[in-house]
C-alpha cells in the first residue's frame, strides 16, 4: 500500500514535467520566431509602394537612415551621385536593383504587431536606434513621396510603413543598404597583369627606378631597364609587387582631389604593351591613404586612357594602407647599386 502514494507522486511529477517541457518549446518558438502567427491580410499580394513608377520619375533624392549612419543618393544633372562626396557617381546596377526591388515588392503575410519584437526581424526604427533601414524618396520640392522601413532575417525580407506597428514578410528583394561606400562606382579601370610592360617608380626620397619586361614573360620577369640595367634586384617579387600594383587597384572610398591636404609622396607610372600609360600619385592624408590617377592617351590605348580620365579626373581615391605601400616602395627595397669596380663608382646614385 505504501507504494501507491509514491507512484502517484511520480505520475504527477511526470505530468508537470511534460507541461513544463511543452511550455518551454512554445516559449522558444515564440522567441526565435519573434513574428507571431502568420496572418492573412487584405494587403497580401498588393504593391508595397503603389504608383511607384510616378514616385520614381519625380525622385530627386533617396534617403537611407540607419541606426549608426545616414546617407543620400542625389539625382542631379550628371545622374545619380552619393551625397557628401562632392558629386561622385553611384553604381548604376545597384540603383537599378533598388528601384526595381521597391517597384516589384508586394505584401506577404502579416507578422508581429508587438513593437518590442520589431528588431528581431530587422524592422526596429533606426531613428530610435533600431535595426531597420528607413528608405525615403523625396521630390524636388522636398516632399517625401514614399517611405518604407525594411529589414532582413535569414532569407526573408520584412517591411512595414513608418508609423504602423504591423510587420509583414514581403515578396521581393532589395540590395544591401548597410554600407554607403558600396554605392560608389569605384570600377575605374581593368588592366590585366599580362598587359603591363614597364613601370617607373619615384619614391619618397626622390629616387627613381625603371623596370620592364618583354611581351609574354611571366609576372616575376621585371628587370631594371636602362639606365639601371646594372642594378641588382633584391628579389624578383620585390620588383613584381610594385610593377603590377595598378592591376590590383581596389579603391575603398573617394573625395575631391581639391580637398587633398598634403603633397604627393611618391609617383608610380605604369605602361602597357599597347601604349596606355597611367600615372598614379600617392598621398598620406590625415583621414587615410589616397591616390590620384591620370592616363596618357597614346597608340592603341588612347580610348581606354580617355575612359579612365573621365572617371578619375578631379578625384582622389582612398586605398588600404597595404595597397598604398605597394605603390610607394623605397627604391632601395627593390634594387641594389652595382658593385663598383673602382673608387670613383662608390657613390653611384640610383637616380642619374
Protein backbone atom coordinates (compact mmCIF):
# COMPACT_ATOMS: atom_id res chain seq x y z
CA UNK A 1 0.00 0.00 0.00
CA UNK A 2 2.90 2.36 0.73
CA UNK A 3 3.91 2.22 -2.94
CA UNK A 4 0.60 3.75 -4.14
CA UNK A 5 1.30 7.35 -2.94
CA UNK A 6 4.80 7.06 -4.29
CA UNK A 7 3.53 6.03 -7.71
CA UNK A 8 1.01 8.88 -7.63
CA UNK A 9 3.73 11.41 -6.86
CA UNK A 10 5.85 10.07 -9.68
CA UNK A 11 2.86 10.30 -12.04
CA UNK A 12 2.16 13.90 -11.00
CA UNK A 13 5.83 14.82 -11.48
CA UNK A 14 5.78 13.28 -14.95
CA UNK A 15 2.70 15.32 -15.88
CA UNK A 16 4.25 18.52 -14.53
CA UNK A 17 7.47 17.80 -16.42
CA UNK A 18 5.58 17.27 -19.65
CA UNK A 19 3.67 20.52 -19.21
CA UNK A 20 6.88 22.41 -18.40
CA UNK A 21 8.55 20.94 -21.46
CA UNK A 22 5.65 21.97 -23.69
CA UNK A 23 5.69 25.50 -22.31
CA UNK A 24 9.45 25.68 -22.88
CA UNK A 25 9.07 24.60 -26.52
CA UNK A 26 6.35 27.21 -27.06
CA UNK A 27 8.48 29.91 -25.45
CA UNK A 28 11.49 29.00 -27.59
CA UNK A 29 9.35 29.04 -30.73
CA UNK A 30 7.94 32.44 -29.94
CA UNK A 31 11.38 33.77 -29.00
CA UNK A 32 13.08 32.56 -32.16
CA UNK A 33 10.23 33.38 -34.49
CA UNK A 34 9.54 36.74 -32.97
CA UNK A 35 6.85 37.45 -35.50
CA UNK A 36 3.90 35.55 -34.12
CA UNK A 37 1.46 33.53 -36.15
CA UNK A 38 1.32 34.42 -39.85
CA UNK A 39 -1.76 36.46 -40.64
CA UNK A 40 -3.58 36.75 -43.92
CA UNK A 41 -4.50 40.38 -44.51
CA UNK A 42 -6.20 42.35 -47.24
CA UNK A 43 -2.81 43.74 -48.27
CA UNK A 44 -1.42 40.37 -49.38
CA UNK A 45 -0.27 40.45 -52.99
CA UNK A 46 -0.69 44.21 -53.34
CA UNK A 47 2.22 46.58 -54.13
CA UNK A 48 4.07 47.84 -51.08
CA UNK A 49 4.53 51.22 -52.76
CA UNK A 50 1.56 51.92 -55.07
CA UNK A 51 2.14 54.17 -58.09
CA UNK A 52 5.87 53.71 -57.67
CA UNK A 53 6.59 54.49 -61.33
CA UNK A 54 5.37 58.05 -60.77
CA UNK A 55 7.27 58.33 -57.50
CA UNK A 56 10.41 57.10 -59.23
CA UNK A 57 10.08 59.56 -62.12
CA UNK A 58 9.79 62.50 -59.73
CA UNK A 59 12.55 61.39 -57.35
CA UNK A 60 15.21 63.99 -56.56
CA UNK A 61 16.71 62.16 -53.58
CA UNK A 62 16.66 58.76 -51.93
CA UNK A 63 17.45 58.97 -48.24
CA UNK A 64 18.59 55.93 -46.28
CA UNK A 65 18.64 56.16 -42.49
CA UNK A 66 20.32 53.53 -40.32
CA UNK A 67 20.93 53.42 -36.59
CA UNK A 68 24.61 54.36 -37.00
CA UNK A 69 24.62 56.44 -40.18
CA UNK A 70 22.52 58.11 -42.83
CA UNK A 71 23.25 58.84 -46.48
CA UNK A 72 21.52 60.31 -49.50
CA UNK A 73 21.51 59.39 -53.18
CA UNK A 74 21.08 62.57 -55.20
CA UNK A 75 19.59 62.86 -58.69
CA UNK A 76 21.49 65.67 -60.41
CA UNK A 77 22.30 66.92 -63.88
CA UNK A 78 25.08 64.34 -64.22
CA UNK A 79 22.96 61.46 -62.94
CA UNK A 80 22.73 59.86 -59.51
CA UNK A 81 25.53 60.64 -57.06
CA UNK A 82 26.27 59.96 -53.41
CA UNK A 83 25.67 62.97 -51.21
CA UNK A 84 28.66 64.27 -49.28
CA UNK A 85 31.23 63.13 -51.87
CA UNK A 86 31.15 66.27 -53.99
CA UNK A 87 29.08 64.56 -56.67
CA UNK A 88 30.71 61.16 -57.16
CA UNK A 89 28.50 58.78 -59.20
CA UNK A 90 26.83 55.74 -57.68
CA UNK A 91 26.70 52.28 -59.18
CA UNK A 92 24.04 52.07 -61.86
CA UNK A 93 23.43 48.36 -61.26
CA UNK A 94 22.81 48.81 -57.54
CA UNK A 95 20.49 51.77 -58.17
CA UNK A 96 18.53 49.69 -60.67
CA UNK A 97 18.27 46.86 -58.12
CA UNK A 98 16.89 49.30 -55.53
CA UNK A 99 14.36 50.88 -57.89
CA UNK A 100 13.31 47.54 -59.32
CA UNK A 101 13.05 45.96 -55.87
CA UNK A 102 10.86 48.74 -54.49
CA UNK A 103 8.66 48.77 -57.58
CA UNK A 104 8.09 45.00 -57.67
CA UNK A 105 7.75 44.40 -53.92
CA UNK A 106 4.36 43.10 -52.72
CA UNK A 107 2.93 42.48 -49.27
CA UNK A 108 3.09 38.96 -47.92
CA UNK A 109 1.87 37.51 -44.64
CA UNK A 110 1.29 39.78 -41.70
CA UNK A 111 3.62 39.05 -38.80
CA UNK A 112 4.04 40.57 -35.36
CA UNK A 113 2.24 43.63 -34.07
CA UNK A 114 4.48 43.77 -31.00
CA UNK A 115 6.69 46.86 -31.39
CA UNK A 116 9.13 45.30 -28.93
CA UNK A 117 9.82 42.45 -31.35
CA UNK A 118 10.45 44.54 -34.46
CA UNK A 119 14.24 44.43 -34.02
CA UNK A 120 14.14 40.64 -34.33
CA UNK A 121 13.06 40.91 -37.96
CA UNK A 122 15.16 43.98 -38.75
CA UNK A 123 12.26 46.43 -38.55
CA UNK A 124 13.18 48.46 -35.50
CA UNK A 125 13.01 52.19 -36.29
CA UNK A 126 16.63 53.32 -36.87
CA UNK A 127 15.75 56.82 -35.65
CA UNK A 128 15.31 55.20 -32.24
CA UNK A 129 18.39 53.01 -32.57
CA UNK A 130 16.52 50.10 -34.15
CA UNK A 131 17.84 47.51 -36.58
CA UNK A 132 15.78 48.54 -39.61
CA UNK A 133 16.61 50.71 -42.60
CA UNK A 134 14.34 53.65 -43.38
CA UNK A 135 14.06 54.46 -47.09
CA UNK A 136 12.55 57.80 -48.06
CA UNK A 137 12.03 59.06 -51.61
CA UNK A 138 11.91 62.83 -51.93
CA UNK A 139 10.84 65.00 -54.86
CA UNK A 140 12.33 68.32 -55.98
CA UNK A 141 10.02 70.24 -53.64
CA UNK A 142 11.49 68.37 -50.67
CA UNK A 143 8.33 66.34 -50.09
CA UNK A 144 8.66 62.71 -49.03
CA UNK A 145 6.56 60.89 -51.63
CA UNK A 146 7.22 57.33 -50.41
CA UNK A 147 8.80 55.80 -47.32
CA UNK A 148 9.37 52.31 -46.00
CA UNK A 149 11.02 50.55 -43.08
CA UNK A 150 12.70 47.38 -44.26
CA UNK A 151 14.85 44.67 -42.79
CA UNK A 152 16.01 41.11 -43.31
CA UNK A 153 16.08 37.97 -41.20
CA UNK A 154 17.74 34.98 -42.79
CA UNK A 155 16.47 34.59 -46.36
CA UNK A 156 13.34 36.68 -45.78
CA UNK A 157 12.71 40.38 -46.31
CA UNK A 158 10.35 42.21 -43.97
CA UNK A 159 8.78 45.64 -44.21
CA UNK A 160 6.35 47.98 -42.51
CA UNK A 161 5.18 51.50 -43.12
CA UNK A 162 6.57 54.21 -40.81
CA UNK A 163 4.08 54.95 -38.05
CA UNK A 164 2.49 51.48 -38.27
CA UNK A 165 3.10 48.65 -35.82
CA UNK A 166 2.24 45.82 -38.21
CA UNK A 167 5.20 43.90 -39.64
CA UNK A 168 4.92 41.98 -42.89
CA UNK A 169 7.00 39.47 -44.70
CA UNK A 170 7.22 40.81 -48.24
CA UNK A 171 7.76 39.27 -51.65
CA UNK A 172 10.81 40.69 -53.41
CA UNK A 173 14.35 41.71 -52.65
CA UNK A 174 16.50 44.79 -52.15
CA UNK A 175 20.25 45.42 -52.39
CA UNK A 176 22.20 45.69 -49.12
CA UNK A 177 21.71 49.13 -47.55
CA UNK A 178 24.13 48.99 -44.64
CA UNK A 179 27.31 50.38 -46.24
CA UNK A 180 27.17 53.71 -48.08
CA UNK A 181 30.60 53.14 -49.68
CA UNK A 182 29.19 50.11 -51.50
CA UNK A 183 27.13 52.52 -53.63
CA UNK A 184 30.22 54.20 -55.09
CA UNK A 185 31.13 53.30 -58.66
CA UNK A 186 34.81 52.62 -57.99
CA UNK A 187 35.43 50.40 -61.00
CA UNK A 188 37.95 52.79 -62.58
CA UNK A 189 39.94 50.50 -64.85
CA UNK A 190 40.60 46.89 -65.71
CA UNK A 191 44.22 46.21 -66.60
CA UNK A 192 45.34 42.58 -66.66
CA UNK A 193 48.78 41.74 -65.33
CA UNK A 194 49.81 40.34 -68.73
CA UNK A 195 49.25 43.78 -70.29
CA UNK A 196 51.89 45.61 -68.20
CA UNK A 197 55.20 46.10 -69.94
CA UNK A 198 57.01 48.55 -67.66
CA UNK A 199 56.74 50.74 -64.58
CA UNK A 200 58.65 53.82 -63.44
CA UNK A 201 58.82 54.47 -59.71
CA UNK A 202 59.68 57.64 -57.79
CA UNK A 203 59.97 57.12 -54.04
CA UNK A 204 59.60 59.48 -51.10
CA UNK A 205 63.30 60.42 -51.27
CA UNK A 206 63.03 61.42 -54.93
CA UNK A 207 64.94 58.40 -56.22
CA UNK A 208 63.63 56.67 -59.33
CA UNK A 209 63.76 53.25 -60.95
CA UNK A 210 62.59 51.88 -64.29
CA UNK A 211 61.51 48.22 -64.53
CA UNK A 212 60.44 46.44 -67.70
CA UNK A 213 59.82 43.00 -69.20
CA UNK A 214 59.25 41.54 -72.64
CA UNK A 215 55.91 40.51 -74.13
CA UNK A 216 54.78 37.07 -72.97
CA UNK A 217 57.12 36.86 -70.00
CA UNK A 218 55.93 35.94 -66.51
CA UNK A 219 54.85 38.19 -63.67
CA UNK A 220 58.25 37.91 -61.99
CA UNK A 221 60.24 38.77 -65.11
CA UNK A 222 60.64 42.50 -64.45
CA UNK A 223 64.23 43.68 -64.57
CA UNK A 224 65.93 47.06 -64.15
CA UNK A 225 65.99 48.81 -67.53
CA UNK A 226 68.48 51.40 -68.84
CA UNK A 227 69.99 53.38 -67.31
CA UNK A 228 69.56 50.99 -64.34
CA UNK A 229 70.42 47.74 -66.13
CA UNK A 230 73.43 47.06 -63.91
CA UNK A 231 71.47 47.34 -60.69
CA UNK A 232 70.84 44.09 -58.80
CA UNK A 233 67.31 43.02 -57.75
CA UNK A 234 66.79 42.32 -54.07
CA UNK A 235 64.34 39.63 -55.22
CA UNK A 236 62.02 39.02 -58.14
CA UNK A 237 58.93 39.55 -56.01
CA UNK A 238 60.36 42.84 -54.73
CA UNK A 239 60.17 44.05 -58.35
CA UNK A 240 56.92 42.39 -59.47
CA UNK A 241 54.86 43.55 -56.49
CA UNK A 242 55.10 47.29 -57.25
CA UNK A 243 55.33 46.69 -61.01
CA UNK A 244 51.85 45.11 -61.06
CA UNK A 245 50.29 47.18 -58.27
CA UNK A 246 47.95 49.06 -60.61
CA UNK A 247 46.35 45.81 -61.78
CA UNK A 248 45.23 45.22 -58.17
CA UNK A 249 43.82 48.71 -57.58
CA UNK A 250 40.68 48.47 -55.42
CA UNK A 251 39.58 51.85 -54.01
CA UNK A 252 37.56 51.81 -50.81
CA UNK A 253 36.48 55.46 -50.82
CA UNK A 254 36.75 58.77 -52.65
CA UNK A 255 36.95 62.52 -52.13
CA UNK A 256 37.57 65.57 -54.28
CA UNK A 257 41.21 65.92 -55.27
CA UNK A 258 40.87 69.62 -54.45
CA UNK A 259 40.36 68.59 -50.82
CA UNK A 260 43.72 66.86 -50.50
CA UNK A 261 45.70 68.44 -47.66
CA UNK A 262 49.14 67.02 -48.41
CA UNK A 263 51.61 66.77 -51.26
CA UNK A 264 52.27 63.58 -53.19
CA UNK A 265 54.94 61.46 -51.55
CA UNK A 266 55.50 59.10 -54.49
CA UNK A 267 54.75 58.56 -58.17
CA UNK A 268 54.01 55.30 -59.94
CA UNK A 269 53.76 55.21 -63.76
CA UNK A 270 52.51 52.04 -65.45
CA UNK A 271 52.92 51.41 -69.18
CA UNK A 272 51.13 48.66 -71.10
CA UNK A 273 52.27 46.83 -74.22
CA UNK A 274 49.66 48.66 -76.32
CA UNK A 275 50.82 52.13 -75.28
CA UNK A 276 48.50 53.03 -72.39
CA UNK A 277 50.29 54.97 -69.65
CA UNK A 278 48.73 55.63 -66.23
CA UNK A 279 50.38 57.93 -63.70
CA UNK A 280 49.44 57.43 -60.06
CA UNK A 281 50.39 59.88 -57.30
CA UNK A 282 50.21 58.77 -53.68
CA UNK A 283 49.16 60.92 -50.71
CA UNK A 284 49.29 60.25 -46.99
CA UNK A 285 46.32 62.20 -45.67
CA UNK A 286 45.05 62.79 -42.11
CA UNK A 287 41.96 60.73 -42.96
CA UNK A 288 43.65 57.87 -44.81
CA UNK A 289 45.73 56.84 -47.80
CA UNK A 290 44.78 58.27 -51.20
CA UNK A 291 45.90 58.15 -54.82
CA UNK A 292 45.12 60.19 -57.92
CA UNK A 293 45.13 58.82 -61.46
CA UNK A 294 45.88 60.29 -64.86
CA UNK A 295 46.05 58.33 -68.08
CA UNK A 296 48.14 59.44 -71.06
CA UNK A 297 46.47 58.66 -74.34
CA UNK A 298 48.87 57.04 -76.79
CA UNK A 299 48.65 54.46 -79.54
CA UNK A 300 46.01 51.75 -79.22
CA UNK A 301 45.48 52.67 -75.57
CA UNK A 302 44.05 56.10 -76.38
CA UNK A 303 40.40 55.14 -75.99
CA UNK A 304 40.98 53.39 -72.67
CA UNK A 305 43.00 56.35 -71.47
CA UNK A 306 40.14 58.71 -72.21
CA UNK A 307 37.69 56.45 -70.34
CA UNK A 308 39.94 56.32 -67.29
CA UNK A 309 40.35 60.09 -67.22
CA UNK A 310 36.60 60.61 -67.48
CA UNK A 311 36.15 58.56 -64.30
CA UNK A 312 39.25 59.67 -62.39
CA UNK A 313 39.79 63.34 -63.22
CA UNK A 314 39.27 65.55 -60.19
CA UNK A 315 39.06 62.71 -57.67
CA UNK A 316 41.32 61.21 -55.03
CA UNK A 317 40.67 57.55 -54.29
CA UNK A 318 41.14 56.04 -50.88
CA UNK A 319 43.01 52.72 -50.69
CA UNK A 320 44.09 50.47 -47.86
CA UNK A 321 47.49 51.09 -46.26
CA UNK A 322 48.59 47.67 -47.55
CA UNK A 323 47.80 48.57 -51.17
CA UNK A 324 49.21 52.08 -50.75
CA UNK A 325 52.56 50.58 -49.70
CA UNK A 326 52.73 48.65 -52.98
CA UNK A 327 52.63 51.97 -54.85
CA UNK A 328 55.20 53.68 -52.63
CA UNK A 329 58.13 51.31 -52.02
CA UNK A 330 61.59 52.59 -51.30
CA UNK A 331 63.85 52.09 -54.33
CA UNK A 332 66.45 50.54 -52.07
CA UNK A 333 63.97 47.78 -51.15
CA UNK A 334 63.86 46.71 -54.82
CA UNK A 335 67.41 47.05 -56.17
CA UNK A 336 70.98 47.49 -55.05
CA UNK A 337 73.54 49.60 -56.91
CA UNK A 338 76.15 47.65 -58.89
CA UNK A 339 79.32 46.71 -57.07
CA UNK A 340 81.87 49.40 -58.02
CA UNK A 341 84.96 48.36 -59.94
CA UNK A 342 86.94 51.39 -58.82
CA UNK A 343 86.68 54.05 -56.09
CA UNK A 344 85.18 56.59 -58.46
CA UNK A 345 81.98 54.47 -58.74
CA UNK A 346 81.41 54.03 -54.99
CA UNK A 347 78.95 56.91 -54.82
CA UNK A 348 76.84 55.89 -57.80
CA UNK A 349 73.34 57.35 -57.23
CA UNK A 350 70.15 55.44 -58.01
CA UNK A 351 68.73 58.40 -59.86
CA UNK A 352 71.08 59.73 -62.56
